[in-house]
C-alpha atoms as a PDB file:
ATOM      1  CA  MET A   1      41.379  41.625  -9.452  1.00  0.00           C
ATOM      2  CA  GLY A   2      37.663  41.195 -10.166  1.00  0.00           C
ATOM      3  CA  LEU A   3      35.282  39.077  -8.176  1.00  0.00           C
ATOM      4  CA  THR A   4      32.979  36.513  -9.703  1.00  0.00           C
ATOM      5  CA  LYS A   5      29.637  35.543  -8.202  1.00  0.00           C
ATOM      6  CA  VAL A   6      29.759  31.881  -7.273  1.00  0.00           C
ATOM      7  CA  SER A   7      26.652  29.736  -7.005  1.00  0.00           C
ATOM      8  CA  TYR A   8      26.237  26.208  -5.687  1.00  0.00           C
ATOM      9  CA  ALA A   9      25.548  25.100  -9.260  1.00  0.00           C
ATOM     10  CA  MET A  10      29.205  25.827 -10.065  1.00  0.00           C
ATOM     11  CA  ILE A  11      30.418  23.210  -7.559  1.00  0.00           C
ATOM     12  CA  ASN A  12      30.336  19.699  -8.989  1.00  0.00           C
ATOM     13  CA  GLY A  13      27.811  17.556  -7.120  1.00  0.00           C
ATOM     14  CA  ALA A  14      26.468  20.405  -4.969  1.00  0.00           C
ATOM     15  CA  PRO A  15      22.719  20.894  -4.646  1.00  0.00           C
ATOM     16  CA  LEU A  16      21.108  23.100  -7.262  1.00  0.00           C
ATOM     17  CA  ASN A  17      19.573  26.145  -5.603  1.00  0.00           C
ATOM     18  CA  VAL A  18      16.258  27.248  -7.163  1.00  0.00           C
ATOM     19  CA  LEU A  19      17.269  30.876  -6.578  1.00  0.00           C
ATOM     20  CA  ASP A  20      20.103  30.376  -9.095  1.00  0.00           C
ATOM     21  CA  TYR A  21      17.431  29.472 -11.674  1.00  0.00           C
ATOM     22  CA  GLY A  22      15.333  32.580 -11.122  1.00  0.00           C
ATOM     23  CA  ALA A  23      12.951  31.567  -8.344  1.00  0.00           C
ATOM     24  CA  THR A  24      12.313  34.301  -5.782  1.00  0.00           C
ATOM     25  CA  GLY A  25      10.399  32.593  -2.986  1.00  0.00           C
ATOM     26  CA  ASP A  26       8.669  35.899  -2.244  1.00  0.00           C
ATOM     27  CA  GLY A  27       5.136  34.454  -2.351  1.00  0.00           C
ATOM     28  CA  SER A  28       3.897  36.718  -5.137  1.00  0.00           C
ATOM     29  CA  THR A  29       6.211  36.065  -8.117  1.00  0.00           C
ATOM     30  CA  ASP A  30       5.328  32.989 -10.177  1.00  0.00           C
ATOM     31  CA  ASP A  31       8.229  30.579  -9.549  1.00  0.00           C
ATOM     32  CA  THR A  32       6.815  27.689 -11.616  1.00  0.00           C
ATOM     33  CA  SER A  33       9.159  28.020 -14.601  1.00  0.00           C
ATOM     34  CA  ALA A  34      12.291  28.522 -12.473  1.00  0.00           C
ATOM     35  CA  ILE A  35      11.469  25.483 -10.334  1.00  0.00           C
ATOM     36  CA  GLN A  36      10.764  23.300 -13.379  1.00  0.00           C
ATOM     37  CA  THR A  37      14.011  24.458 -15.017  1.00  0.00           C
ATOM     38  CA  ALA A  38      16.088  23.649 -11.908  1.00  0.00           C
ATOM     39  CA  LEU A  39      14.499  20.194 -11.570  1.00  0.00           C
ATOM     40  CA  THR A  40      14.985  19.429 -15.265  1.00  0.00           C
ATOM     41  CA  ALA A  41      18.652  20.478 -15.039  1.00  0.00           C
ATOM     42  CA  CYS A  42      19.113  18.210 -12.026  1.00  0.00           C
ATOM     43  CA  ASP A  43      17.579  15.245 -13.841  1.00  0.00           C
ATOM     44  CA  ALA A  44      19.658  15.938 -16.976  1.00  0.00           C
ATOM     45  CA  ALA A  45      22.800  15.895 -14.821  1.00  0.00           C
ATOM     46  CA  GLY A  46      21.971  12.367 -13.663  1.00  0.00           C
ATOM     47  CA  GLY A  47      20.118  13.316 -10.500  1.00  0.00           C
ATOM     48  CA  GLY A  48      20.924  15.081  -7.273  1.00  0.00           C
ATOM     49  CA  THR A  49      19.276  17.611  -4.999  1.00  0.00           C
ATOM     50  CA  VAL A  50      17.342  20.767  -5.794  1.00  0.00           C
ATOM     51  CA  TYR A  51      17.399  22.977  -2.718  1.00  0.00           C
ATOM     52  CA  PHE A  52      14.620  25.383  -1.728  1.00  0.00           C
ATOM     53  CA  PRO A  53      15.898  27.950   0.790  1.00  0.00           C
ATOM     54  CA  THR A  54      13.494  29.573   3.222  1.00  0.00           C
ATOM     55  CA  GLY A  55      10.725  31.183   1.204  1.00  0.00           C
ATOM     56  CA  ASN A  56       7.205  30.932  -0.144  1.00  0.00           C
ATOM     57  CA  TYR A  57       7.291  29.614  -3.726  1.00  0.00           C
ATOM     58  CA  LYS A  58       4.218  30.388  -5.832  1.00  0.00           C
ATOM     59  CA  ILE A  59       3.373  27.742  -8.436  1.00  0.00           C
ATOM     60  CA  THR A  60       0.626  28.252 -10.992  1.00  0.00           C
ATOM     61  CA  SER A  61       0.759  24.950 -12.872  1.00  0.00           C
ATOM     62  CA  THR A  62       1.852  21.375 -12.257  1.00  0.00           C
ATOM     63  CA  ILE A  63       5.537  20.722 -11.588  1.00  0.00           C
ATOM     64  CA  ASP A  64       6.181  17.680 -13.783  1.00  0.00           C
ATOM     65  CA  LEU A  65       8.812  15.136 -12.792  1.00  0.00           C
ATOM     66  CA  THR A  66       7.709  12.457 -15.253  1.00  0.00           C
ATOM     67  CA  GLY A  67      10.523   9.978 -15.865  1.00  0.00           C
ATOM     68  CA  PHE A  68      12.941  11.706 -13.463  1.00  0.00           C
ATOM     69  CA  GLU A  69      15.487   9.570 -11.609  1.00  0.00           C
ATOM     70  CA  ASN A  70      17.363  10.189  -8.363  1.00  0.00           C
ATOM     71  CA  VAL A  71      16.040  13.732  -7.882  1.00  0.00           C
ATOM     72  CA  THR A  72      15.445  15.151  -4.404  1.00  0.00           C
ATOM     73  CA  LEU A  73      13.424  18.271  -3.648  1.00  0.00           C
ATOM     74  CA  GLN A  74      14.908  19.518  -0.356  1.00  0.00           C
ATOM     75  CA  GLY A  75      13.710  22.432   1.739  1.00  0.00           C
ATOM     76  CA  GLU A  76      15.104  24.111   4.844  1.00  0.00           C
ATOM     77  CA  ASN A  77      12.235  22.650   6.866  1.00  0.00           C
ATOM     78  CA  LYS A  78       8.498  22.163   6.327  1.00  0.00           C
ATOM     79  CA  ASN A  79       7.635  25.456   8.035  1.00  0.00           C
ATOM     80  CA  ALA A  80      10.273  27.569   6.273  1.00  0.00           C
ATOM     81  CA  SER A  81      10.355  26.321   2.653  1.00  0.00           C
ATOM     82  CA  LYS A  82       6.786  26.348   1.357  1.00  0.00           C
ATOM     83  CA  PHE A  83       4.924  26.104  -1.907  1.00  0.00           C
ATOM     84  CA  SER A  84       1.790  28.195  -2.473  1.00  0.00           C
ATOM     85  CA  PRO A  85       0.014  26.497  -5.376  1.00  0.00           C
ATOM     86  CA  THR A  86      -2.773  28.263  -7.236  1.00  0.00           C
ATOM     87  CA  VAL A  87      -3.403  25.158  -9.355  1.00  0.00           C
ATOM     88  CA  THR A  88      -7.117  24.284  -9.307  1.00  0.00           C
ATOM     89  CA  ASN A  89      -7.669  21.430 -11.762  1.00  0.00           C
ATOM     90  CA  ASP A  90      -4.508  19.380 -11.693  1.00  0.00           C
ATOM     91  CA  ASN A  91      -1.811  17.935  -9.432  1.00  0.00           C
ATOM     92  CA  TYR A  92       0.722  20.213  -7.770  1.00  0.00           C
ATOM     93  CA  PHE A  93       3.633  17.790  -8.293  1.00  0.00           C
ATOM     94  CA  THR A  94       3.501  14.787 -10.652  1.00  0.00           C
ATOM     95  CA  PHE A  95       5.959  11.901 -10.371  1.00  0.00           C
ATOM     96  CA  THR A  96       4.959   9.508 -13.203  1.00  0.00           C
ATOM     97  CA  ASN A  97       7.464   6.773 -14.100  1.00  0.00           C
ATOM     98  CA  ALA A  98       9.891   8.404 -11.659  1.00  0.00           C
ATOM     99  CA  LYS A  99      12.549   6.393  -9.831  1.00  0.00           C
ATOM    100  CA  GLN A 100      14.258   6.985  -6.495  1.00  0.00           C
ATOM    101  CA  CYS A 101      12.888  10.493  -5.991  1.00  0.00           C
ATOM    102  CA  ASN A 102      12.495  12.313  -2.674  1.00  0.00           C
ATOM    103  CA  PHE A 103      10.392  15.198  -1.371  1.00  0.00           C
ATOM    104  CA  ARG A 104      11.785  16.439   1.982  1.00  0.00           C
ATOM    105  CA  ASP A 105      11.380  19.239   4.500  1.00  0.00           C
ATOM    106  CA  LEU A 106       8.835  21.167   2.454  1.00  0.00           C
ATOM    107  CA  GLY A 107       5.399  22.650   3.062  1.00  0.00           C
ATOM    108  CA  ILE A 108       2.536  22.802   0.573  1.00  0.00           C
ATOM    109  CA  ILE A 109       0.048  25.489   1.546  1.00  0.00           C
ATOM    110  CA  PRO A 110      -2.468  26.044  -1.292  1.00  0.00           C
ATOM    111  CA  SER A 111      -3.768  29.570  -1.729  1.00  0.00           C
ATOM    112  CA  VAL A 112      -6.925  28.273  -3.442  1.00  0.00           C
ATOM    113  CA  SER A 113      -9.256  25.344  -2.835  1.00  0.00           C
ATOM    114  CA  GLN A 114      -8.156  22.535  -5.108  1.00  0.00           C
ATOM    115  CA  VAL A 115     -10.978  21.372  -7.371  1.00  0.00           C
ATOM    116  CA  SER A 116      -9.322  18.150  -8.539  1.00  0.00           C
ATOM    117  CA  GLY A 117      -5.954  16.454  -8.526  1.00  0.00           C
ATOM    118  CA  SER A 118      -3.503  15.721  -5.727  1.00  0.00           C
ATOM    119  CA  ALA A 119      -0.820  17.625  -3.874  1.00  0.00           C
ATOM    120  CA  ILE A 120       1.763  14.965  -4.776  1.00  0.00           C
ATOM    121  CA  TYR A 121       0.788  12.475  -7.476  1.00  0.00           C
ATOM    122  CA  PHE A 122       2.895   9.338  -7.951  1.00  0.00           C
ATOM    123  CA  SER A 123       2.246   6.507 -10.423  1.00  0.00           C
ATOM    124  CA  ASN A 124       4.140   3.766 -12.238  1.00  0.00           C
ATOM    125  CA  GLY A 125       7.386   4.661 -10.514  1.00  0.00           C
ATOM    126  CA  TYR A 126       9.771   3.213  -8.007  1.00  0.00           C
ATOM    127  CA  SER A 127      10.405   4.549  -4.536  1.00  0.00           C
ATOM    128  CA  LEU A 128       9.095   8.042  -3.921  1.00  0.00           C
ATOM    129  CA  THR A 129      10.033   9.083  -0.393  1.00  0.00           C
ATOM    130  CA  VAL A 130       8.038  11.890   1.192  1.00  0.00           C
ATOM    131  CA  SER A 131       9.400  12.964   4.576  1.00  0.00           C
ATOM    132  CA  ASP A 132       8.827  15.841   6.987  1.00  0.00           C
ATOM    133  CA  VAL A 133       6.253  17.471   4.724  1.00  0.00           C
ATOM    134  CA  ILE A 134       3.207  19.481   5.722  1.00  0.00           C
ATOM    135  CA  ILE A 135       0.246  19.750   3.379  1.00  0.00           C
ATOM    136  CA  GLY A 136      -2.442  22.121   4.469  1.00  0.00           C
END
């Protein structure tokens, strides 16, 4: 009898784990594409939670959640699940025309001085909840 690797993504309604989409959270590998792919998959499935286990997730360009609905970015806690943006001339996370989205238990610790933009940009949407987040 062979064993099959099971991921949370295989359980209907379970959070999507960014590690299942190729993110490493090791602080040096660029996780931008894996994070964007996991969030897009969550939105395409009608919403849900994208989980960020303990780690340091390097992002090199804006994570775009334009038009997303009912998507939650959920970390372990703000000191354990962190983003290390190297974005200098744009927003780190953009929620334009987004509805019922959440950003919880996450840290944003830039590794460069941001020249312009915002850590979390929200416009023309409905109900973005940001809770237990550290930006520094």
